[in-house]
Amino acid sequence: SGQSAGTGALRTPALRVLNAIDTSYLKRRDKLKVVLARADEQQKRT
């Protein structure tokens, strides 16, 4: 709309969103590792 002259106003919120996405991704990756470890333990017992 012309209220901001450059992309500097977008850079900070964009980096925040990217960091939030990466944080969520890492949490779910760690969760997958936990699930795989549980499956591994179940396989050993089996």
ModelCIF file with pLDDT and N, C-alpha, C, O atoms, coordinates in Angstrom:
data_MODEL
#
_entry.id   MODEL 
#
_entity.id                         1 
_entity.type                       polymer 
_entity.pdbx_number_of_molecules   1 
#
_entity_poly.entity_id                      1 
_entity_poly.type                           'polypeptide(L)' 
_entity_poly.nstd_linkage                   no 
_entity_poly.nstd_monomer                   no 
_entity_poly.pdbx_seq_one_letter_code       SGQSAGTGALRTPALRVLNAIDTSYLKRRDKLKVVLARADEQQKRT 
_entity_poly.pdbx_seq_one_letter_code_can   SGQSAGTGALRTPALRVLNAIDTSYLKRRDKLKVVLARADEQQKRT 
_entity_poly.pdbx_strand_id                 A 
#
loop_
_entity_poly_seq.entity_id 
_entity_poly_seq.num 
_entity_poly_seq.mon_id 
_entity_poly_seq.hetero 
1 1  SER n 
1 2  GLY n 
1 3  GLN n 
1 4  SER n 
1 5  ALA n 
1 6  GLY n 
1 7  THR n 
1 8  GLY n 
1 9  ALA n 
1 10 LEU n 
1 11 ARG n 
1 12 THR n 
1 13 PRO n 
1 14 ALA n 
1 15 LEU n 
1 16 ARG n 
1 17 VAL n 
1 18 LEU n 
1 19 ASN n 
1 20 ALA n 
1 21 ILE n 
1 22 ASP n 
1 23 THR n 
1 24 SER n 
1 25 TYR n 
1 26 LEU n 
1 27 LYS n 
1 28 ARG n 
1 29 ARG n 
1 30 ASP n 
1 31 LYS n 
1 32 LEU n 
1 33 LYS n 
1 34 VAL n 
1 35 VAL n 
1 36 LEU n 
1 37 ALA n 
1 38 ARG n 
1 39 ALA n 
1 40 ASP n 
1 41 GLU n 
1 42 GLN n 
1 43 GLN n 
1 44 LYS n 
1 45 ARG n 
1 46 THR n 
#
_struct_asym.id          A 
_struct_asym.entity_id   1 
#
loop_
_ma_qa_metric.id 
_ma_qa_metric.mode 
_ma_qa_metric.name 
_ma_qa_metric.software_group_id 
_ma_qa_metric.type 
1 global pLDDT . pLDDT 
2 local  pLDDT . pLDDT 
#
_ma_qa_metric_global.metric_id      1 
_ma_qa_metric_global.metric_value   76.02 
_ma_qa_metric_global.model_id       1 
_ma_qa_metric_global.ordinal_id     1 
#
loop_
_ma_qa_metric_local.label_asym_id 
_ma_qa_metric_local.label_comp_id 
_ma_qa_metric_local.label_seq_id 
_ma_qa_metric_local.metric_id 
_ma_qa_metric_local.metric_value 
_ma_qa_metric_local.model_id 
_ma_qa_metric_local.ordinal_id 
A SER 1  2 79.00 1 1  
A GLY 2  2 75.00 1 2  
A GLN 3  2 74.00 1 3  
A SER 4  2 67.00 1 4  
A ALA 5  2 60.00 1 5  
A GLY 6  2 64.00 1 6  
A THR 7  2 63.00 1 7  
A GLY 8  2 69.00 1 8  
A ALA 9  2 70.00 1 9  
A LEU 10 2 73.00 1 10 
A ARG 11 2 80.00 1 11 
A THR 12 2 82.00 1 12 
A PRO 13 2 82.00 1 13 
A ALA 14 2 80.00 1 14 
A LEU 15 2 85.00 1 15 
A ARG 16 2 85.00 1 16 
A VAL 17 2 81.00 1 17 
A LEU 18 2 82.00 1 18 
A ASN 19 2 88.00 1 19 
A ALA 20 2 83.00 1 20 
A ILE 21 2 81.00 1 21 
A ASP 22 2 84.00 1 22 
A THR 23 2 85.00 1 23 
A SER 24 2 82.00 1 24 
A TYR 25 2 79.00 1 25 
A LEU 26 2 82.00 1 26 
A LYS 27 2 81.00 1 27 
A ARG 28 2 77.00 1 28 
A ARG 29 2 77.00 1 29 
A ASP 30 2 80.00 1 30 
A LYS 31 2 77.00 1 31 
A LEU 32 2 73.00 1 32 
A LYS 33 2 77.00 1 33 
A VAL 34 2 77.00 1 34 
A VAL 35 2 72.00 1 35 
A LEU 36 2 70.00 1 36 
A ALA 37 2 75.00 1 37 
A ARG 38 2 75.00 1 38 
A ALA 39 2 70.00 1 39 
A ASP 40 2 73.00 1 40 
A GLU 41 2 75.00 1 41 
A GLN 42 2 70.00 1 42 
A GLN 43 2 69.00 1 43 
A LYS 44 2 72.00 1 44 
A ARG 45 2 72.00 1 45 
A THR 46 2 70.00 1 46 
#
loop_
_atom_site.group_PDB 
_atom_site.id 
_atom_site.type_symbol 
_atom_site.label_atom_id 
_atom_site.label_alt_id 
_atom_site.label_comp_id 
_atom_site.label_asym_id 
_atom_site.label_entity_id 
_atom_site.label_seq_id 
_atom_site.pdbx_PDB_ins_code 
_atom_site.Cartn_x 
_atom_site.Cartn_y 
_atom_site.Cartn_z 
_atom_site.occupancy 
_atom_site.B_iso_or_equiv 
_atom_site.pdbx_formal_charge 
_atom_site.auth_seq_id 
_atom_site.auth_comp_id 
_atom_site.auth_asym_id 
_atom_site.auth_atom_id 
_atom_site.pdbx_PDB_model_num 
ATOM 1   N N  . SER A 1 1  ? 0.812  -1.211  0.000  1.00 79.00 ? 1  SER A N  1 
ATOM 2   C CA . SER A 1 1  ? 0.000  0.000   0.000  1.00 79.00 ? 1  SER A CA 1 
ATOM 3   C C  . SER A 1 1  ? 0.850  1.267   0.000  1.00 79.00 ? 1  SER A C  1 
ATOM 4   O O  . SER A 1 1  ? 0.318  2.373   -0.090 1.00 79.00 ? 1  SER A O  1 
ATOM 5   N N  . GLY A 1 2  ? 2.169  1.106   0.101  1.00 75.00 ? 2  GLY A N  1 
ATOM 6   C CA . GLY A 1 2  ? 3.055  2.257   0.072  1.00 75.00 ? 2  GLY A CA 1 
ATOM 7   C C  . GLY A 1 2  ? 3.358  2.832   1.438  1.00 75.00 ? 2  GLY A C  1 
ATOM 8   O O  . GLY A 1 2  ? 4.083  3.823   1.531  1.00 75.00 ? 2  GLY A O  1 
ATOM 9   N N  . GLN A 1 3  ? 2.830  2.249   2.503  1.00 74.00 ? 3  GLN A N  1 
ATOM 10  C CA . GLN A 1 3  ? 3.099  2.765   3.842  1.00 74.00 ? 3  GLN A CA 1 
ATOM 11  C C  . GLN A 1 3  ? 4.518  2.458   4.301  1.00 74.00 ? 3  GLN A C  1 
ATOM 12  O O  . GLN A 1 3  ? 5.058  3.145   5.168  1.00 74.00 ? 3  GLN A O  1 
ATOM 13  N N  . SER A 1 4  ? 5.121  1.422   3.716  1.00 67.00 ? 4  SER A N  1 
ATOM 14  C CA . SER A 1 4  ? 6.516  1.101   4.004  1.00 67.00 ? 4  SER A CA 1 
ATOM 15  C C  . SER A 1 4  ? 7.295  1.196   2.702  1.00 67.00 ? 4  SER A C  1 
ATOM 16  O O  . SER A 1 4  ? 6.827  0.730   1.663  1.00 67.00 ? 4  SER A O  1 
ATOM 17  N N  . ALA A 1 5  ? 8.476  1.795   2.750  1.00 60.00 ? 5  ALA A N  1 
ATOM 18  C CA . ALA A 1 5  ? 9.213  2.092   1.527  1.00 60.00 ? 5  ALA A CA 1 
ATOM 19  C C  . ALA A 1 5  ? 10.017 0.914   1.007  1.00 60.00 ? 5  ALA A C  1 
ATOM 20  O O  . ALA A 1 5  ? 10.243 0.829   -0.200 1.00 60.00 ? 5  ALA A O  1 
ATOM 21  N N  . GLY A 1 6  ? 10.456 0.011   1.854  1.00 64.00 ? 6  GLY A N  1 
ATOM 22  C CA . GLY A 1 6  ? 11.306 -1.074  1.404  1.00 64.00 ? 6  GLY A CA 1 
ATOM 23  C C  . GLY A 1 6  ? 10.946 -2.383  2.058  1.00 64.00 ? 6  GLY A C  1 
ATOM 24  O O  . GLY A 1 6  ? 9.976  -2.479  2.809  1.00 64.00 ? 6  GLY A O  1 
ATOM 25  N N  . THR A 1 7  ? 11.755 -3.407  1.757  1.00 63.00 ? 7  THR A N  1 
ATOM 26  C CA . THR A 1 7  ? 11.492 -4.747  2.301  1.00 63.00 ? 7  THR A CA 1 
ATOM 27  C C  . THR A 1 7  ? 12.026 -4.911  3.714  1.00 63.00 ? 7  THR A C  1 
ATOM 28  O O  . THR A 1 7  ? 11.852 -5.970  4.317  1.00 63.00 ? 7  THR A O  1 
ATOM 29  N N  . GLY A 1 8  ? 12.672 -3.884  4.253  1.00 69.00 ? 8  GLY A N  1 
ATOM 30  C CA . GLY A 1 8  ? 13.185 -4.000  5.616  1.00 69.00 ? 8  GLY A CA 1 
ATOM 31  C C  . GLY A 1 8  ? 12.095 -4.260  6.627  1.00 69.00 ? 8  GLY A C  1 
ATOM 32  O O  . GLY A 1 8  ? 12.295 -4.980  7.605  1.00 69.00 ? 8  GLY A O  1 
ATOM 33  N N  . ALA A 1 9  ? 10.897 -3.648  6.378  1.00 70.00 ? 9  ALA A N  1 
ATOM 34  C CA . ALA A 1 9  ? 9.781  -3.861  7.308  1.00 70.00 ? 9  ALA A CA 1 
ATOM 35  C C  . ALA A 1 9  ? 9.283  -5.296  7.284  1.00 70.00 ? 9  ALA A C  1 
ATOM 36  O O  . ALA A 1 9  ? 8.677  -5.759  8.250  1.00 70.00 ? 9  ALA A O  1 
ATOM 37  N N  . LEU A 1 10 ? 9.535  -6.013  6.176  1.00 73.00 ? 10 LEU A N  1 
ATOM 38  C CA . LEU A 1 10 ? 9.088  -7.414  6.081  1.00 73.00 ? 10 LEU A CA 1 
ATOM 39  C C  . LEU A 1 10 ? 10.132 -8.393  6.609  1.00 73.00 ? 10 LEU A C  1 
ATOM 40  O O  . LEU A 1 10 ? 9.805  -9.514  6.996  1.00 73.00 ? 10 LEU A O  1 
ATOM 41  N N  . ARG A 1 11 ? 11.388 -7.958  6.620  1.00 80.00 ? 11 ARG A N  1 
ATOM 42  C CA . ARG A 1 11 ? 12.447 -8.917  6.916  1.00 80.00 ? 11 ARG A CA 1 
ATOM 43  C C  . ARG A 1 11 ? 12.344 -9.479  8.326  1.00 80.00 ? 11 ARG A C  1 
ATOM 44  O O  . ARG A 1 11 ? 12.473 -10.686 8.532  1.00 80.00 ? 11 ARG A O  1 
ATOM 45  N N  . THR A 1 12 ? 12.110 -8.592  9.303  1.00 82.00 ? 12 THR A N  1 
ATOM 46  C CA . THR A 1 12 ? 12.042 -9.057  10.702 1.00 82.00 ? 12 THR A CA 1 
ATOM 47  C C  . THR A 1 12 ? 10.876 -10.000 10.940 1.00 82.00 ? 12 THR A C  1 
ATOM 48  O O  . THR A 1 12 ? 11.093 -11.080 11.489 1.00 82.00 ? 12 THR A O  1 
ATOM 49  N N  . PRO A 1 13 ? 9.613  -9.648  10.548 1.00 82.00 ? 13 PRO A N  1 
ATOM 50  C CA . PRO A 1 13 ? 8.527  -10.627 10.758 1.00 82.00 ? 13 PRO A CA 1 
ATOM 51  C C  . PRO A 1 13 ? 8.729  -11.905 9.965  1.00 82.00 ? 13 PRO A C  1 
ATOM 52  O O  . PRO A 1 13 ? 8.329  -12.980 10.413 1.00 82.00 ? 13 PRO A O  1 
ATOM 53  N N  . ALA A 1 14 ? 9.358  -11.803 8.767  1.00 80.00 ? 14 ALA A N  1 
ATOM 54  C CA . ALA A 1 14 ? 9.594  -13.019 7.983  1.00 80.00 ? 14 ALA A CA 1 
ATOM 55  C C  . ALA A 1 14 ? 10.563 -13.939 8.696  1.00 80.00 ? 14 ALA A C  1 
ATOM 56  O O  . ALA A 1 14 ? 10.365 -15.153 8.741  1.00 80.00 ? 14 ALA A O  1 
ATOM 57  N N  . LEU A 1 15 ? 11.626 -13.349 9.261  1.00 85.00 ? 15 LEU A N  1 
ATOM 58  C CA . LEU A 1 15 ? 12.585 -14.178 10.000 1.00 85.00 ? 15 LEU A CA 1 
ATOM 59  C C  . LEU A 1 15 ? 11.943 -14.811 11.228 1.00 85.00 ? 15 LEU A C  1 
ATOM 60  O O  . LEU A 1 15 ? 12.270 -15.940 11.592 1.00 85.00 ? 15 LEU A O  1 
ATOM 61  N N  . ARG A 1 16 ? 11.028 -14.079 11.867 1.00 85.00 ? 16 ARG A N  1 
ATOM 62  C CA . ARG A 1 16 ? 10.338 -14.658 13.028 1.00 85.00 ? 16 ARG A CA 1 
ATOM 63  C C  . ARG A 1 16 ? 9.493  -15.853 12.622 1.00 85.00 ? 16 ARG A C  1 
ATOM 64  O O  . ARG A 1 16 ? 9.483  -16.882 13.299 1.00 85.00 ? 16 ARG A O  1 
ATOM 65  N N  . VAL A 1 17 ? 8.778  -15.706 11.500 1.00 81.00 ? 17 VAL A N  1 
ATOM 66  C CA . VAL A 1 17 ? 7.947  -16.826 11.038 1.00 81.00 ? 17 VAL A CA 1 
ATOM 67  C C  . VAL A 1 17 ? 8.831  -18.013 10.656 1.00 81.00 ? 17 VAL A C  1 
ATOM 68  O O  . VAL A 1 17 ? 8.511  -19.156 10.980 1.00 81.00 ? 17 VAL A O  1 
ATOM 69  N N  . LEU A 1 18 ? 9.946  -17.741 9.966  1.00 82.00 ? 18 LEU A N  1 
ATOM 70  C CA . LEU A 1 18 ? 10.850 -18.828 9.579  1.00 82.00 ? 18 LEU A CA 1 
ATOM 71  C C  . LEU A 1 18 ? 11.408 -19.528 10.813 1.00 82.00 ? 18 LEU A C  1 
ATOM 72  O O  . LEU A 1 18 ? 11.506 -20.755 10.849 1.00 82.00 ? 18 LEU A O  1 
ATOM 73  N N  . ASN A 1 19 ? 11.771 -18.745 11.820 1.00 88.00 ? 19 ASN A N  1 
ATOM 74  C CA . ASN A 1 19 ? 12.274 -19.369 13.057 1.00 88.00 ? 19 ASN A CA 1 
ATOM 75  C C  . ASN A 1 19 ? 11.199 -20.209 13.726 1.00 88.00 ? 19 ASN A C  1 
ATOM 76  O O  . ASN A 1 19 ? 11.489 -21.281 14.258 1.00 88.00 ? 19 ASN A O  1 
ATOM 77  N N  . ALA A 1 20 ? 9.947  -19.725 13.704 1.00 83.00 ? 20 ALA A N  1 
ATOM 78  C CA . ALA A 1 20 ? 8.855  -20.496 14.310 1.00 83.00 ? 20 ALA A CA 1 
ATOM 79  C C  . ALA A 1 20 ? 8.625  -21.793 13.543 1.00 83.00 ? 20 ALA A C  1 
ATOM 80  O O  . ALA A 1 20 ? 8.379  -22.842 14.139 1.00 83.00 ? 20 ALA A O  1 
ATOM 81  N N  . ILE A 1 21 ? 8.707  -21.713 12.202 1.00 81.00 ? 21 ILE A N  1 
ATOM 82  C CA . ILE A 1 21 ? 8.542  -22.929 11.382 1.00 81.00 ? 21 ILE A CA 1 
ATOM 83  C C  . ILE A 1 21 ? 9.656  -23.917 11.703 1.00 81.00 ? 21 ILE A C  1 
ATOM 84  O O  . ILE A 1 21 ? 9.399  -25.103 11.911 1.00 81.00 ? 21 ILE A O  1 
ATOM 85  N N  . ASP A 1 22 ? 10.899 -23.427 11.742 1.00 84.00 ? 22 ASP A N  1 
ATOM 86  C CA . ASP A 1 22 ? 12.029 -24.319 12.028 1.00 84.00 ? 22 ASP A CA 1 
ATOM 87  C C  . ASP A 1 22 ? 11.908 -24.933 13.414 1.00 84.00 ? 22 ASP A C  1 
ATOM 88  O O  . ASP A 1 22 ? 12.243 -26.101 13.610 1.00 84.00 ? 22 ASP A O  1 
ATOM 89  N N  . THR A 1 23 ? 11.419 -24.134 14.396 1.00 85.00 ? 23 THR A N  1 
ATOM 90  C CA . THR A 1 23 ? 11.237 -24.675 15.744 1.00 85.00 ? 23 THR A CA 1 
ATOM 91  C C  . THR A 1 23 ? 10.210 -25.807 15.750 1.00 85.00 ? 23 THR A C  1 
ATOM 92  O O  . THR A 1 23 ? 10.427 -26.850 16.367 1.00 85.00 ? 23 THR A O  1 
ATOM 93  N N  . SER A 1 24 ? 9.087  -25.589 15.056 1.00 82.00 ? 24 SER A N  1 
ATOM 94  C CA . SER A 1 24 ? 8.049  -26.630 14.987 1.00 82.00 ? 24 SER A CA 1 
ATOM 95  C C  . SER A 1 24 ? 8.580  -27.871 14.285 1.00 82.00 ? 24 SER A C  1 
ATOM 96  O O  . SER A 1 24 ? 8.311  -29.001 14.694 1.00 82.00 ? 24 SER A O  1 
ATOM 97  N N  . TYR A 1 25 ? 9.352  -27.633 13.199 1.00 79.00 ? 25 TYR A N  1 
ATOM 98  C CA . TYR A 1 25 ? 9.916  -28.767 12.466 1.00 79.00 ? 25 TYR A CA 1 
ATOM 99  C C  . TYR A 1 25 ? 10.850 -29.580 13.353 1.00 79.00 ? 25 TYR A C  1 
ATOM 100 O O  . TYR A 1 25 ? 10.786 -30.809 13.356 1.00 79.00 ? 25 TYR A O  1 
ATOM 101 N N  . LEU A 1 26 ? 11.723 -28.900 14.111 1.00 82.00 ? 26 LEU A N  1 
ATOM 102 C CA . LEU A 1 26 ? 12.662 -29.616 14.972 1.00 82.00 ? 26 LEU A CA 1 
ATOM 103 C C  . LEU A 1 26 ? 11.933 -30.385 16.069 1.00 82.00 ? 26 LEU A C  1 
ATOM 104 O O  . LEU A 1 26 ? 12.333 -31.495 16.420 1.00 82.00 ? 26 LEU A O  1 
ATOM 105 N N  . LYS A 1 27 ? 10.863 -29.798 16.613 1.00 81.00 ? 27 LYS A N  1 
ATOM 106 C CA . LYS A 1 27 ? 10.098 -30.505 17.650 1.00 81.00 ? 27 LYS A CA 1 
ATOM 107 C C  . LYS A 1 27 ? 9.502  -31.791 17.093 1.00 81.00 ? 27 LYS A C  1 
ATOM 108 O O  . LYS A 1 27 ? 9.525  -32.834 17.747 1.00 81.00 ? 27 LYS A O  1 
ATOM 109 N N  . ARG A 1 28 ? 8.968  -31.705 15.877 1.00 77.00 ? 28 ARG A N  1 
ATOM 110 C CA . ARG A 1 28 ? 8.353  -32.905 15.308 1.00 77.00 ? 28 ARG A CA 1 
ATOM 111 C C  . ARG A 1 28 ? 9.396  -33.925 14.880 1.00 77.00 ? 28 ARG A C  1 
ATOM 112 O O  . ARG A 1 28 ? 9.139  -35.128 14.905 1.00 77.00 ? 28 ARG A O  1 
ATOM 113 N N  . ARG A 1 29 ? 10.574 -33.449 14.488 1.00 77.00 ? 29 ARG A N  1 
ATOM 114 C CA . ARG A 1 29 ? 11.639 -34.393 14.187 1.00 77.00 ? 29 ARG A CA 1 
ATOM 115 C C  . ARG A 1 29 ? 12.068 -35.131 15.444 1.00 77.00 ? 29 ARG A C  1 
ATOM 116 O O  . ARG A 1 29 ? 12.290 -36.341 15.418 1.00 77.00 ? 29 ARG A O  1 
ATOM 117 N N  . ASP A 1 30 ? 12.185 -34.379 16.572 1.00 80.00 ? 30 ASP A N  1 
ATOM 118 C CA . ASP A 1 30 ? 12.541 -35.033 17.833 1.00 80.00 ? 30 ASP A CA 1 
ATOM 119 C C  . ASP A 1 30 ? 11.456 -36.013 18.268 1.00 80.00 ? 30 ASP A C  1 
ATOM 120 O O  . ASP A 1 30 ? 11.741 -37.072 18.828 1.00 80.00 ? 30 ASP A O  1 
ATOM 121 N N  . LYS A 1 31 ? 10.199 -35.634 17.997 1.00 77.00 ? 31 LYS A N  1 
ATOM 122 C CA . LYS A 1 31 ? 9.100  -36.535 18.348 1.00 77.00 ? 31 LYS A CA 1 
ATOM 123 C C  . LYS A 1 31 ? 9.182  -37.818 17.536 1.00 77.00 ? 31 LYS A C  1 
ATOM 124 O O  . LYS A 1 31 ? 8.912  -38.902 18.052 1.00 77.00 ? 31 LYS A O  1 
ATOM 125 N N  . LEU A 1 32 ? 9.556  -37.697 16.261 1.00 73.00 ? 32 LEU A N  1 
ATOM 126 C CA . LEU A 1 32 ? 9.718  -38.881 15.428 1.00 73.00 ? 32 LEU A CA 1 
ATOM 127 C C  . LEU A 1 32 ? 10.813 -39.793 15.983 1.00 73.00 ? 32 LEU A C  1 
ATOM 128 O O  . LEU A 1 32 ? 10.681 -41.017 15.971 1.00 73.00 ? 32 LEU A O  1 
ATOM 129 N N  . LYS A 1 33 ? 11.911 -39.171 16.476 1.00 77.00 ? 33 LYS A N  1 
ATOM 130 C CA . LYS A 1 33 ? 12.979 -39.981 17.039 1.00 77.00 ? 33 LYS A CA 1 
ATOM 131 C C  . LYS A 1 33 ? 12.491 -40.753 18.257 1.00 77.00 ? 33 LYS A C  1 
ATOM 132 O O  . LYS A 1 33 ? 12.849 -41.916 18.445 1.00 77.00 ? 33 LYS A O  1 
ATOM 133 N N  . VAL A 1 34 ? 11.665 -40.101 19.093 1.00 77.00 ? 34 VAL A N  1 
ATOM 134 C CA . VAL A 1 34 ? 11.123 -40.780 20.268 1.00 77.00 ? 34 VAL A CA 1 
ATOM 135 C C  . VAL A 1 34 ? 10.243 -41.954 19.855 1.00 77.00 ? 34 VAL A C  1 
ATOM 136 O O  . VAL A 1 34 ? 10.321 -43.040 20.430 1.00 77.00 ? 34 VAL A O  1 
ATOM 137 N N  . VAL A 1 35 ? 9.392  -41.714 18.833 1.00 72.00 ? 35 VAL A N  1 
ATOM 138 C CA . VAL A 1 35 ? 8.506  -42.779 18.353 1.00 72.00 ? 35 VAL A CA 1 
ATOM 139 C C  . VAL A 1 35 ? 9.327  -43.928 17.784 1.00 72.00 ? 35 VAL A C  1 
ATOM 140 O O  . VAL A 1 35 ? 9.018  -45.095 18.026 1.00 72.00 ? 35 VAL A O  1 
ATOM 141 N N  . LEU A 1 36 ? 10.374 -43.601 17.027 1.00 70.00 ? 36 LEU A N  1 
ATOM 142 C CA . LEU A 1 36 ? 11.225 -44.648 16.470 1.00 70.00 ? 36 LEU A CA 1 
ATOM 143 C C  . LEU A 1 36 ? 11.939 -45.426 17.573 1.00 70.00 ? 36 LEU A C  1 
ATOM 144 O O  . LEU A 1 36 ? 12.100 -46.643 17.480 1.00 70.00 ? 36 LEU A O  1 
ATOM 145 N N  . ALA A 1 37 ? 12.364 -44.718 18.614 1.00 75.00 ? 37 ALA A N  1 
ATOM 146 C CA . ALA A 1 37 ? 13.012 -45.415 19.729 1.00 75.00 ? 37 ALA A CA 1 
ATOM 147 C C  . ALA A 1 37 ? 12.028 -46.357 20.420 1.00 75.00 ? 37 ALA A C  1 
ATOM 148 O O  . ALA A 1 37 ? 12.386 -47.472 20.801 1.00 75.00 ? 37 ALA A O  1 
ATOM 149 N N  . ARG A 1 38 ? 10.783 -45.897 20.578 1.00 75.00 ? 38 ARG A N  1 
ATOM 150 C CA . ARG A 1 38 ? 9.776  -46.761 21.192 1.00 75.00 ? 38 ARG A CA 1 
ATOM 151 C C  . ARG A 1 38 ? 9.501  -47.978 20.309 1.00 75.00 ? 38 ARG A C  1 
ATOM 152 O O  . ARG A 1 38 ? 9.347  -49.094 20.806 1.00 75.00 ? 38 ARG A O  1 
ATOM 153 N N  . ALA A 1 39 ? 9.441  -47.755 19.012 1.00 70.00 ? 39 ALA A N  1 
ATOM 154 C CA . ALA A 1 39 ? 9.237  -48.882 18.097 1.00 70.00 ? 39 ALA A CA 1 
ATOM 155 C C  . ALA A 1 39 ? 10.413 -49.846 18.152 1.00 70.00 ? 39 ALA A C  1 
ATOM 156 O O  . ALA A 1 39 ? 10.238 -51.061 18.065 1.00 70.00 ? 39 ALA A O  1 
ATOM 157 N N  . ASP A 1 40 ? 11.633 -49.283 18.299 1.00 73.00 ? 40 ASP A N  1 
ATOM 158 C CA . ASP A 1 40 ? 12.817 -50.124 18.397 1.00 73.00 ? 40 ASP A CA 1 
ATOM 159 C C  . ASP A 1 40 ? 12.747 -51.006 19.632 1.00 73.00 ? 40 ASP A C  1 
ATOM 160 O O  . ASP A 1 40 ? 13.056 -52.196 19.566 1.00 73.00 ? 40 ASP A O  1 
ATOM 161 N N  . GLU A 1 41 ? 12.340 -50.424 20.765 1.00 75.00 ? 41 GLU A N  1 
ATOM 162 C CA . GLU A 1 41 ? 12.221 -51.202 21.990 1.00 75.00 ? 41 GLU A CA 1 
ATOM 163 C C  . GLU A 1 41 ? 11.167 -52.286 21.854 1.00 75.00 ? 41 GLU A C  1 
ATOM 164 O O  . GLU A 1 41 ? 11.340 -53.408 22.331 1.00 75.00 ? 41 GLU A O  1 
ATOM 165 N N  . GLN A 1 42 ? 10.082 -51.934 21.201 1.00 70.00 ? 42 GLN A N  1 
ATOM 166 C CA . GLN A 1 42 ? 9.028  -52.928 20.990 1.00 70.00 ? 42 GLN A CA 1 
ATOM 167 C C  . GLN A 1 42 ? 9.517  -54.062 20.090 1.00 70.00 ? 42 GLN A C  1 
ATOM 168 O O  . GLN A 1 42 ? 9.185  -55.227 20.307 1.00 70.00 ? 42 GLN A O  1 
ATOM 169 N N  . GLN A 1 43 ? 10.317 -53.702 19.068 1.00 69.00 ? 43 GLN A N  1 
ATOM 170 C CA . GLN A 1 43 ? 10.865 -54.730 18.189 1.00 69.00 ? 43 GLN A CA 1 
ATOM 171 C C  . GLN A 1 43 ? 11.795 -55.670 18.955 1.00 69.00 ? 43 GLN A C  1 
ATOM 172 O O  . GLN A 1 43 ? 11.790 -56.881 18.734 1.00 69.00 ? 43 GLN A O  1 
ATOM 173 N N  . LYS A 1 44 ? 12.603 -55.088 19.870 1.00 72.00 ? 44 LYS A N  1 
ATOM 174 C CA . LYS A 1 44 ? 13.500 -55.944 20.656 1.00 72.00 ? 44 LYS A CA 1 
ATOM 175 C C  . LYS A 1 44 ? 12.716 -56.933 21.514 1.00 72.00 ? 44 LYS A C  1 
ATOM 176 O O  . LYS A 1 44 ? 13.035 -58.121 21.567 1.00 72.00 ? 44 LYS A O  1 
ATOM 177 N N  . ARG A 1 45 ? 11.679 -56.417 22.188 1.00 72.00 ? 45 ARG A N  1 
ATOM 178 C CA . ARG A 1 45 ? 10.868 -57.322 23.014 1.00 72.00 ? 45 ARG A CA 1 
ATOM 179 C C  . ARG A 1 45 ? 10.213 -58.399 22.156 1.00 72.00 ? 45 ARG A C  1 
ATOM 180 O O  . ARG A 1 45 ? 10.149 -59.565 22.546 1.00 72.00 ? 45 ARG A O  1 
ATOM 181 N N  . THR A 1 46 ? 9.729  -57.994 20.986 1.00 70.00 ? 46 THR A N  1 
ATOM 182 C CA . THR A 1 46 ? 9.089  -58.959 20.085 1.00 70.00 ? 46 THR A CA 1 
ATOM 183 C C  . THR A 1 46 ? 10.060 -60.055 19.683 1.00 70.00 ? 46 THR A C  1 
ATOM 184 O O  . THR A 1 46 ? 9.696  -60.956 18.927 1.00 70.00 ? 46 THR A O  1 
#
